[in-house]
Amino acid sequence: MTVDQAGSAGRDIPHLETLADKLEFLFDRVRPTAAELGPHEEAGRRYTTKEIANKINEAARRDGTGVTISAAYVGEMRRGVTTDPRTSHVKALAQAFGVDPAFFVDSLVTRRVQEQIDVLNDLRQMKLQQVALRRVLRQQGLSDDSTRLIEQLVDRCRKLEGLDDDGAV
């Protein structure tokens, strides 16, 4: 699992009240890893309800937890039709998304996990920008040493201009 690559700079963290809100936040921000995607699948796409159910069911077979779930039931939780799932299902959902199970029941943990996911999104976006810059510089025929020098120059200019590190390349 990875987090959404859209980044969160300047974005307010929404207040999540219901199970449906919390699940939708996770579906919106957490993405399948490259290892979870097939060779022709789009990187950065959202999980499907069926994929999350499959992850839970695969973990049940692999780990012997015995906790299984249907895609329809996950969908009911996402839509707010089901609001009081079994504790084992909440734990399985948390594991499938890679978050603390308390995300679903403790508002402080919910907020902390939201912030962590958004920070990871921002870092991933910065890394993508850095990779893109390196690719362009290499396409121009510059060496690795010249590429590093340009990256350092950009960082130095940002510091001289009093810019924060949020947009660092």
N, C-alpha and C. Protein backbone atom coordinates (compact mmCIF):
# COMPACT_ATOMS: atom_id res chain seq x y z
N MET A 1 0.84 -1.17 0.00
CA MET A 1 0.00 0.00 0.00
C MET A 1 0.88 1.23 0.00
N THR A 2 0.48 2.18 -0.80
CA THR A 2 1.13 3.48 -0.79
C THR A 2 0.04 4.52 -0.56
N VAL A 3 0.49 5.73 -0.38
CA VAL A 3 -0.51 6.78 -0.21
C VAL A 3 -0.67 7.53 -1.51
N ASP A 4 -1.78 8.23 -1.59
CA ASP A 4 -2.11 8.99 -2.79
C ASP A 4 -0.99 9.94 -3.15
N GLN A 5 -0.70 10.06 -4.43
CA GLN A 5 0.40 10.88 -4.88
C GLN A 5 -0.01 12.31 -5.19
N ALA A 6 -1.23 12.67 -4.86
CA ALA A 6 -1.69 14.03 -5.15
C ALA A 6 -1.08 15.05 -4.22
N GLY A 7 -0.61 14.62 -3.05
CA GLY A 7 -0.03 15.56 -2.09
C GLY A 7 -1.11 16.28 -1.32
N SER A 8 -0.71 16.96 -0.24
CA SER A 8 -1.71 17.62 0.61
C SER A 8 -1.32 19.03 0.99
N ALA A 9 -0.33 19.61 0.31
CA ALA A 9 0.11 20.95 0.67
C ALA A 9 -1.06 21.91 0.64
N GLY A 10 -1.28 22.61 1.74
CA GLY A 10 -2.32 23.59 1.82
C GLY A 10 -3.71 23.02 1.98
N ARG A 11 -3.85 21.73 2.10
CA ARG A 11 -5.15 21.10 2.21
C ARG A 11 -5.51 20.93 3.68
N ASP A 12 -6.74 21.31 4.02
CA ASP A 12 -7.22 21.11 5.38
C ASP A 12 -7.51 19.63 5.59
N ILE A 13 -7.24 19.17 6.78
CA ILE A 13 -7.54 17.78 7.11
C ILE A 13 -9.00 17.72 7.53
N PRO A 14 -9.80 16.92 6.83
CA PRO A 14 -11.24 16.88 7.15
C PRO A 14 -11.49 16.22 8.50
N HIS A 15 -12.56 16.64 9.14
CA HIS A 15 -12.97 16.02 10.40
C HIS A 15 -13.82 14.80 10.04
N LEU A 16 -13.39 13.65 10.48
CA LEU A 16 -14.06 12.41 10.13
C LEU A 16 -14.85 11.90 11.33
N GLU A 17 -16.16 11.83 11.18
CA GLU A 17 -17.04 11.40 12.28
C GLU A 17 -17.43 9.93 12.18
N THR A 18 -17.92 9.53 11.02
CA THR A 18 -18.53 8.22 10.89
C THR A 18 -17.55 7.19 10.34
N LEU A 19 -17.91 5.95 10.49
CA LEU A 19 -17.13 4.86 9.90
C LEU A 19 -17.04 5.06 8.39
N ALA A 20 -18.16 5.44 7.77
CA ALA A 20 -18.17 5.67 6.33
C ALA A 20 -17.19 6.78 5.94
N ASP A 21 -17.17 7.87 6.71
CA ASP A 21 -16.23 8.97 6.44
C ASP A 21 -14.79 8.48 6.51
N LYS A 22 -14.51 7.70 7.53
CA LYS A 22 -13.14 7.22 7.75
C LYS A 22 -12.72 6.26 6.65
N LEU A 23 -13.62 5.38 6.27
CA LEU A 23 -13.30 4.45 5.18
C LEU A 23 -13.09 5.20 3.87
N GLU A 24 -13.95 6.18 3.61
CA GLU A 24 -13.82 6.93 2.36
C GLU A 24 -12.50 7.70 2.34
N PHE A 25 -12.08 8.24 3.48
CA PHE A 25 -10.77 8.91 3.56
C PHE A 25 -9.67 7.94 3.15
N LEU A 26 -9.71 6.72 3.69
CA LEU A 26 -8.68 5.74 3.37
C LEU A 26 -8.73 5.35 1.90
N PHE A 27 -9.92 5.11 1.36
CA PHE A 27 -10.03 4.78 -0.06
C PHE A 27 -9.53 5.94 -0.93
N ASP A 28 -9.73 7.17 -0.46
CA ASP A 28 -9.30 8.34 -1.21
C ASP A 28 -7.80 8.55 -1.19
N ARG A 29 -7.15 8.23 -0.07
CA ARG A 29 -5.75 8.61 0.10
C ARG A 29 -4.75 7.46 0.04
N VAL A 30 -5.16 6.24 0.26
CA VAL A 30 -4.24 5.10 0.29
C VAL A 30 -4.34 4.37 -1.05
N ARG A 31 -3.20 4.07 -1.64
CA ARG A 31 -3.16 3.46 -2.97
C ARG A 31 -2.46 2.10 -2.94
N PRO A 32 -2.80 1.23 -3.90
CA PRO A 32 -2.09 -0.05 -4.00
C PRO A 32 -0.61 0.18 -4.33
N THR A 33 0.23 -0.70 -3.81
CA THR A 33 1.65 -0.63 -4.13
C THR A 33 1.89 -1.19 -5.52
N ALA A 34 3.07 -0.96 -6.04
CA ALA A 34 3.43 -1.51 -7.35
C ALA A 34 3.33 -3.03 -7.33
N ALA A 35 3.69 -3.66 -6.20
CA ALA A 35 3.63 -5.11 -6.09
C ALA A 35 2.19 -5.63 -6.13
N GLU A 36 1.24 -4.81 -5.68
CA GLU A 36 -0.16 -5.22 -5.70
C GLU A 36 -0.82 -5.02 -7.06
N LEU A 37 -0.22 -4.19 -7.88
CA LEU A 37 -0.79 -3.89 -9.19
C LEU A 37 -0.29 -4.89 -10.22
N GLY A 38 -1.14 -5.17 -11.18
CA GLY A 38 -0.73 -5.99 -12.30
C GLY A 38 0.17 -5.20 -13.23
N PRO A 39 0.81 -5.88 -14.18
CA PRO A 39 1.77 -5.20 -15.06
C PRO A 39 1.16 -4.09 -15.92
N HIS A 40 -0.13 -4.16 -16.19
CA HIS A 40 -0.75 -3.16 -17.07
C HIS A 40 -1.71 -2.25 -16.33
N GLU A 41 -1.65 -2.27 -15.00
CA GLU A 41 -2.56 -1.44 -14.22
C GLU A 41 -1.94 -0.07 -13.96
N GLU A 42 -2.81 0.91 -13.82
CA GLU A 42 -2.39 2.29 -13.63
C GLU A 42 -1.89 2.54 -12.20
N ALA A 43 -0.67 3.02 -12.09
CA ALA A 43 -0.12 3.38 -10.77
C ALA A 43 -0.87 4.59 -10.24
N GLY A 44 -1.09 4.62 -8.94
CA GLY A 44 -1.74 5.76 -8.31
C GLY A 44 -3.26 5.69 -8.29
N ARG A 45 -3.81 4.62 -8.83
CA ARG A 45 -5.26 4.50 -8.82
C ARG A 45 -5.76 4.09 -7.43
N ARG A 46 -7.04 4.27 -7.19
CA ARG A 46 -7.64 3.91 -5.91
C ARG A 46 -7.87 2.40 -5.82
N TYR A 47 -7.90 1.92 -4.58
CA TYR A 47 -8.34 0.54 -4.35
C TYR A 47 -9.82 0.45 -4.71
N THR A 48 -10.23 -0.73 -5.13
CA THR A 48 -11.65 -1.01 -5.26
C THR A 48 -12.12 -1.67 -3.97
N THR A 49 -13.41 -1.64 -3.77
CA THR A 49 -13.99 -2.30 -2.59
C THR A 49 -13.65 -3.79 -2.63
N LYS A 50 -13.72 -4.38 -3.80
CA LYS A 50 -13.41 -5.81 -3.95
C LYS A 50 -11.95 -6.10 -3.60
N GLU A 51 -11.04 -5.21 -3.99
CA GLU A 51 -9.62 -5.43 -3.68
C GLU A 51 -9.37 -5.42 -2.18
N ILE A 52 -10.03 -4.52 -1.45
CA ILE A 52 -9.85 -4.48 0.00
C ILE A 52 -10.41 -5.75 0.62
N ALA A 53 -11.57 -6.18 0.16
CA ALA A 53 -12.14 -7.43 0.67
C ALA A 53 -11.19 -8.60 0.37
N ASN A 54 -10.63 -8.62 -0.83
CA ASN A 54 -9.69 -9.68 -1.19
C ASN A 54 -8.44 -9.65 -0.31
N LYS A 55 -7.92 -8.44 -0.02
CA LYS A 55 -6.75 -8.33 0.87
C LYS A 55 -7.05 -8.92 2.24
N ILE A 56 -8.24 -8.61 2.75
CA ILE A 56 -8.63 -9.14 4.07
C ILE A 56 -8.75 -10.65 4.01
N ASN A 57 -9.39 -11.16 2.98
CA ASN A 57 -9.59 -12.60 2.85
C ASN A 57 -8.27 -13.35 2.62
N GLU A 58 -7.36 -12.76 1.86
CA GLU A 58 -6.04 -13.36 1.67
C GLU A 58 -5.26 -13.39 2.98
N ALA A 59 -5.34 -12.31 3.75
CA ALA A 59 -4.67 -12.27 5.06
C ALA A 59 -5.25 -13.34 5.99
N ALA A 60 -6.56 -13.56 5.91
CA ALA A 60 -7.20 -14.58 6.75
C ALA A 60 -6.66 -15.96 6.41
N ARG A 61 -6.51 -16.24 5.12
CA ARG A 61 -5.96 -17.54 4.70
C ARG A 61 -4.48 -17.66 5.08
N ARG A 62 -3.74 -16.61 4.83
CA ARG A 62 -2.29 -16.63 5.07
C ARG A 62 -1.96 -16.69 6.56
N ASP A 63 -2.64 -15.85 7.36
CA ASP A 63 -2.32 -15.72 8.78
C ASP A 63 -3.18 -16.59 9.67
N GLY A 64 -4.19 -17.20 9.10
CA GLY A 64 -5.07 -18.05 9.89
C GLY A 64 -5.96 -17.28 10.85
N THR A 65 -6.27 -16.02 10.55
CA THR A 65 -7.11 -15.22 11.45
C THR A 65 -8.56 -15.64 11.38
N GLY A 66 -8.98 -16.20 10.24
CA GLY A 66 -10.36 -16.61 10.09
C GLY A 66 -11.31 -15.47 9.82
N VAL A 67 -10.81 -14.23 9.75
CA VAL A 67 -11.66 -13.07 9.50
C VAL A 67 -11.79 -12.88 8.00
N THR A 68 -12.99 -13.11 7.50
CA THR A 68 -13.25 -12.87 6.09
C THR A 68 -14.36 -11.83 5.96
N ILE A 69 -14.46 -11.29 4.76
CA ILE A 69 -15.44 -10.22 4.55
C ILE A 69 -15.81 -10.22 3.07
N SER A 70 -17.00 -9.78 2.76
CA SER A 70 -17.40 -9.68 1.36
C SER A 70 -17.23 -8.24 0.88
N ALA A 71 -17.06 -8.11 -0.42
CA ALA A 71 -16.97 -6.77 -1.01
C ALA A 71 -18.27 -6.00 -0.76
N ALA A 72 -19.39 -6.71 -0.79
CA ALA A 72 -20.68 -6.06 -0.55
C ALA A 72 -20.73 -5.46 0.86
N TYR A 73 -20.19 -6.18 1.85
CA TYR A 73 -20.20 -5.68 3.22
C TYR A 73 -19.28 -4.46 3.37
N VAL A 74 -18.12 -4.51 2.73
CA VAL A 74 -17.22 -3.34 2.74
C VAL A 74 -17.95 -2.16 2.10
N GLY A 75 -18.64 -2.40 1.01
CA GLY A 75 -19.41 -1.35 0.36
C GLY A 75 -20.49 -0.77 1.25
N GLU A 76 -21.16 -1.63 2.02
CA GLU A 76 -22.18 -1.15 2.95
C GLU A 76 -21.57 -0.25 4.02
N MET A 77 -20.39 -0.61 4.50
CA MET A 77 -19.71 0.24 5.49
C MET A 77 -19.31 1.57 4.86
N ARG A 78 -18.83 1.54 3.63
CA ARG A 78 -18.43 2.78 2.93
C ARG A 78 -19.61 3.72 2.74
N ARG A 79 -20.78 3.15 2.47
CA ARG A 79 -21.97 3.97 2.21
C ARG A 79 -22.72 4.35 3.48
N GLY A 80 -22.30 3.82 4.63
CA GLY A 80 -22.97 4.14 5.88
C GLY A 80 -24.20 3.29 6.16
N VAL A 81 -24.42 2.26 5.36
CA VAL A 81 -25.54 1.34 5.59
C VAL A 81 -25.26 0.52 6.84
N THR A 82 -24.04 0.04 6.96
CA THR A 82 -23.59 -0.69 8.15
C THR A 82 -22.73 0.26 8.97
N THR A 83 -23.10 0.48 10.23
CA THR A 83 -22.39 1.46 11.05
C THR A 83 -21.74 0.85 12.28
N ASP A 84 -22.00 -0.42 12.56
CA ASP A 84 -21.47 -1.05 13.78
C ASP A 84 -20.91 -2.44 13.46
N PRO A 85 -19.80 -2.49 12.71
CA PRO A 85 -19.23 -3.78 12.34
C PRO A 85 -18.57 -4.48 13.52
N ARG A 86 -18.32 -5.75 13.33
CA ARG A 86 -17.59 -6.51 14.36
C ARG A 86 -16.19 -5.93 14.51
N THR A 87 -15.67 -6.05 15.71
CA THR A 87 -14.31 -5.57 15.99
C THR A 87 -13.30 -6.24 15.08
N SER A 88 -13.49 -7.51 14.80
CA SER A 88 -12.56 -8.24 13.94
C SER A 88 -12.54 -7.65 12.52
N HIS A 89 -13.69 -7.17 12.05
CA HIS A 89 -13.73 -6.56 10.72
C HIS A 89 -13.03 -5.20 10.73
N VAL A 90 -13.20 -4.45 11.79
CA VAL A 90 -12.52 -3.16 11.90
C VAL A 90 -11.00 -3.37 11.91
N LYS A 91 -10.54 -4.35 12.67
CA LYS A 91 -9.11 -4.65 12.72
C LYS A 91 -8.60 -5.10 11.35
N ALA A 92 -9.39 -5.90 10.66
CA ALA A 92 -8.98 -6.39 9.34
C ALA A 92 -8.92 -5.24 8.33
N LEU A 93 -9.88 -4.33 8.40
CA LEU A 93 -9.85 -3.15 7.52
C LEU A 93 -8.61 -2.31 7.79
N ALA A 94 -8.32 -2.11 9.07
CA ALA A 94 -7.14 -1.32 9.42
C ALA A 94 -5.87 -1.98 8.88
N GLN A 95 -5.77 -3.28 9.02
CA GLN A 95 -4.60 -3.99 8.51
C GLN A 95 -4.52 -3.87 6.99
N ALA A 96 -5.65 -3.99 6.31
CA ALA A 96 -5.64 -3.91 4.85
C ALA A 96 -5.14 -2.54 4.36
N PHE A 97 -5.48 -1.49 5.11
CA PHE A 97 -5.04 -0.15 4.73
C PHE A 97 -3.72 0.25 5.39
N GLY A 98 -3.22 -0.57 6.30
CA GLY A 98 -1.94 -0.27 6.95
C GLY A 98 -2.03 0.83 7.99
N VAL A 99 -3.16 0.92 8.69
CA VAL A 99 -3.32 1.95 9.73
C VAL A 99 -3.61 1.29 11.07
N ASP A 100 -3.45 2.06 12.13
CA ASP A 100 -3.77 1.62 13.48
C ASP A 100 -5.28 1.38 13.57
N PRO A 101 -5.71 0.24 14.12
CA PRO A 101 -7.15 -0.01 14.26
C PRO A 101 -7.89 1.08 15.04
N ALA A 102 -7.19 1.76 15.94
CA ALA A 102 -7.80 2.83 16.71
C ALA A 102 -8.22 4.00 15.81
N PHE A 103 -7.74 4.05 14.58
CA PHE A 103 -8.16 5.06 13.61
C PHE A 103 -9.68 5.13 13.52
N PHE A 104 -10.32 3.99 13.65
CA PHE A 104 -11.77 3.92 13.48
C PHE A 104 -12.56 4.29 14.74
N VAL A 105 -11.89 4.36 15.90
CA VAL A 105 -12.65 4.57 17.14
C VAL A 105 -12.15 5.72 18.02
N ASP A 106 -10.94 6.18 17.82
CA ASP A 106 -10.35 7.20 18.67
C ASP A 106 -10.05 8.45 17.82
N SER A 107 -10.71 9.55 18.12
CA SER A 107 -10.58 10.75 17.29
C SER A 107 -9.15 11.29 17.26
N LEU A 108 -8.41 11.15 18.35
CA LEU A 108 -7.02 11.60 18.35
C LEU A 108 -6.16 10.75 17.42
N VAL A 109 -6.39 9.46 17.44
CA VAL A 109 -5.65 8.56 16.55
C VAL A 109 -6.08 8.82 15.10
N THR A 110 -7.37 9.05 14.89
CA THR A 110 -7.86 9.36 13.55
C THR A 110 -7.11 10.56 12.99
N ARG A 111 -7.03 11.61 13.77
CA ARG A 111 -6.36 12.84 13.34
C ARG A 111 -4.87 12.59 13.06
N ARG A 112 -4.22 11.86 13.97
CA ARG A 112 -2.79 11.57 13.80
C ARG A 112 -2.53 10.77 12.53
N VAL A 113 -3.36 9.77 12.27
CA VAL A 113 -3.19 8.95 11.06
C VAL A 113 -3.45 9.79 9.81
N GLN A 114 -4.47 10.64 9.85
CA GLN A 114 -4.73 11.53 8.72
C GLN A 114 -3.50 12.39 8.42
N GLU A 115 -2.93 12.98 9.46
CA GLU A 115 -1.76 13.84 9.28
C GLU A 115 -0.59 13.04 8.73
N GLN A 116 -0.38 11.82 9.24
CA GLN A 116 0.72 10.99 8.76
C GLN A 116 0.55 10.62 7.29
N ILE A 117 -0.66 10.27 6.91
CA ILE A 117 -0.92 9.92 5.52
C ILE A 117 -0.67 11.14 4.63
N ASP A 118 -1.12 12.30 5.06
CA ASP A 118 -0.92 13.50 4.24
C ASP A 118 0.56 13.88 4.15
N VAL A 119 1.31 13.70 5.23
CA VAL A 119 2.76 13.96 5.17
C VAL A 119 3.43 13.00 4.19
N LEU A 120 3.05 11.73 4.24
CA LEU A 120 3.61 10.76 3.31
C LEU A 120 3.25 11.12 1.87
N ASN A 121 2.03 11.59 1.65
CA ASN A 121 1.63 12.06 0.31
C ASN A 121 2.54 13.18 -0.15
N ASP A 122 2.77 14.15 0.73
CA ASP A 122 3.63 15.29 0.38
C ASP A 122 5.05 14.84 0.06
N LEU A 123 5.59 13.95 0.88
CA LEU A 123 6.95 13.46 0.64
C LEU A 123 7.04 12.69 -0.67
N ARG A 124 6.03 11.89 -0.95
CA ARG A 124 6.02 11.14 -2.21
C ARG A 124 5.97 12.10 -3.39
N GLN A 125 5.16 13.15 -3.27
CA GLN A 125 5.05 14.13 -4.35
C GLN A 125 6.39 14.84 -4.56
N MET A 126 7.07 15.20 -3.47
CA MET A 126 8.38 15.84 -3.59
C MET A 126 9.36 14.90 -4.25
N LYS A 127 9.32 13.63 -3.90
CA LYS A 127 10.22 12.64 -4.49
C LYS A 127 9.95 12.52 -5.99
N LEU A 128 8.68 12.53 -6.37
CA LEU A 128 8.33 12.47 -7.80
C LEU A 128 8.88 13.67 -8.54
N GLN A 129 8.81 14.85 -7.94
CA GLN A 129 9.34 16.05 -8.58
C GLN A 129 10.85 15.95 -8.73
N GLN A 130 11.51 15.42 -7.72
CA GLN A 130 12.96 15.28 -7.77
C GLN A 130 13.35 14.28 -8.86
N VAL A 131 12.63 13.19 -8.95
CA VAL A 131 12.91 12.19 -9.98
C VAL A 131 12.68 12.80 -11.36
N ALA A 132 11.62 13.57 -11.51
CA ALA A 132 11.34 14.20 -12.81
C ALA A 132 12.46 15.17 -13.20
N LEU A 133 12.94 15.96 -12.24
CA LEU A 133 14.03 16.89 -12.52
C LEU A 133 15.28 16.13 -12.95
N ARG A 134 15.60 15.07 -12.22
CA ARG A 134 16.79 14.28 -12.58
C ARG A 134 16.67 13.71 -13.99
N ARG A 135 15.48 13.23 -14.33
CA ARG A 135 15.28 12.64 -15.66
C ARG A 135 15.49 13.70 -16.74
N VAL A 136 14.93 14.89 -16.55
CA VAL A 136 15.08 15.97 -17.53
C VAL A 136 16.55 16.35 -17.67
N LEU A 137 17.25 16.46 -16.56
CA LEU A 137 18.66 16.84 -16.62
C LEU A 137 19.50 15.78 -17.32
N ARG A 138 19.20 14.52 -17.07
CA ARG A 138 19.94 13.44 -17.74
C ARG A 138 19.63 13.43 -19.24
N GLN A 139 18.37 13.72 -19.59
CA GLN A 139 18.01 13.78 -21.01
C GLN A 139 18.77 14.90 -21.72
N GLN A 140 19.15 15.90 -20.95
CA GLN A 140 19.95 17.00 -21.51
C GLN A 140 21.43 16.65 -21.55
N GLY A 141 21.78 15.45 -21.09
CA GLY A 141 23.16 14.98 -21.17
C GLY A 141 24.02 15.32 -19.97
N LEU A 142 23.41 15.83 -18.90
CA LEU A 142 24.20 16.21 -17.73
C LEU A 142 24.57 14.98 -16.90
N SER A 143 25.73 15.04 -16.28
CA SER A 143 26.22 13.94 -15.45
C SER A 143 25.50 13.94 -14.10
N ASP A 144 25.69 12.86 -13.34
CA ASP A 144 25.12 12.78 -11.99
C ASP A 144 25.65 13.90 -11.10
N ASP A 145 26.94 14.22 -11.24
CA ASP A 145 27.52 15.29 -10.44
C ASP A 145 26.87 16.64 -10.77
N SER A 146 26.66 16.91 -12.05
CA SER A 146 26.02 18.16 -12.45
C SER A 146 24.57 18.20 -11.96
N THR A 147 23.90 17.06 -12.02
CA THR A 147 22.51 16.98 -11.55
C THR A 147 22.43 17.31 -10.06
N ARG A 148 23.32 16.72 -9.28
CA ARG A 148 23.35 17.00 -7.83
C ARG A 148 23.65 18.48 -7.57
N LEU A 149 24.54 19.05 -8.34
CA LEU A 149 24.88 20.47 -8.20
C LEU A 149 23.65 21.34 -8.45
N ILE A 150 22.88 21.02 -9.46
CA ILE A 150 21.67 21.80 -9.77
C ILE A 150 20.65 21.64 -8.65
N GLU A 151 20.49 20.44 -8.13
CA GLU A 151 19.56 20.23 -7.01
C GLU A 151 19.99 21.05 -5.79
N GLN A 152 21.29 21.08 -5.52
CA GLN A 152 21.80 21.87 -4.40
C GLN A 152 21.59 23.36 -4.64
N LEU A 153 21.76 23.78 -5.87
CA LEU A 153 21.55 25.19 -6.23
C LEU A 153 20.09 25.58 -6.02
N VAL A 154 19.16 24.72 -6.41
CA VAL A 154 17.74 25.00 -6.20
C VAL A 154 17.45 25.11 -4.70
N ASP A 155 17.96 24.17 -3.91
CA ASP A 155 17.76 24.23 -2.46
C ASP A 155 18.33 25.51 -1.87
N ARG A 156 19.52 25.90 -2.30
CA ARG A 156 20.16 27.11 -1.80
C ARG A 156 19.35 28.36 -2.16
N CYS A 157 18.87 28.43 -3.40
CA CYS A 157 18.06 29.57 -3.83
C CYS A 157 16.76 29.65 -3.02
N ARG A 158 16.14 28.54 -2.74
CA ARG A 158 14.92 28.54 -1.93
C ARG A 158 15.21 29.09 -0.54
N LYS A 159 16.34 28.71 0.03
CA LYS A 159 16.71 29.21 1.37
C LYS A 159 16.99 30.71 1.32
N LEU A 160 17.70 31.14 0.30
CA LEU A 160 18.00 32.57 0.17
C LEU A 160 16.75 33.42 0.02
N GLU A 161 15.73 32.86 -0.62
CA GLU A 161 14.49 33.58 -0.84
C GLU A 161 13.50 33.38 0.30
N GLY A 162 13.92 32.66 1.33
CA GLY A 162 13.07 32.47 2.51
C GLY A 162 11.90 31.53 2.28
N LEU A 163 12.01 30.66 1.28
CA LEU A 163 10.94 29.71 1.01
C LEU A 163 11.09 28.50 1.92
N ASP A 164 9.97 27.94 2.31
CA ASP A 164 10.04 26.74 3.14
C ASP A 164 10.40 25.55 2.28
N ASP A 165 10.51 24.39 2.91
CA ASP A 165 10.92 23.18 2.20
C ASP A 165 9.77 22.45 1.56
N ASP A 166 8.51 22.97 1.67
CA ASP A 166 7.35 22.26 1.13
C ASP A 166 7.45 22.03 -0.37
N GLY A 167 8.04 22.96 -1.08
CA GLY A 167 8.11 22.80 -2.54
C GLY A 167 9.48 22.38 -3.02
N ALA A 168 10.31 21.88 -2.12
CA ALA A 168 11.68 21.52 -2.47
C ALA A 168 11.69 20.49 -3.58
N VAL A 169 12.67 20.61 -4.46
CA VAL A 169 12.81 19.68 -5.57
C VAL A 169 13.79 18.60 -5.19
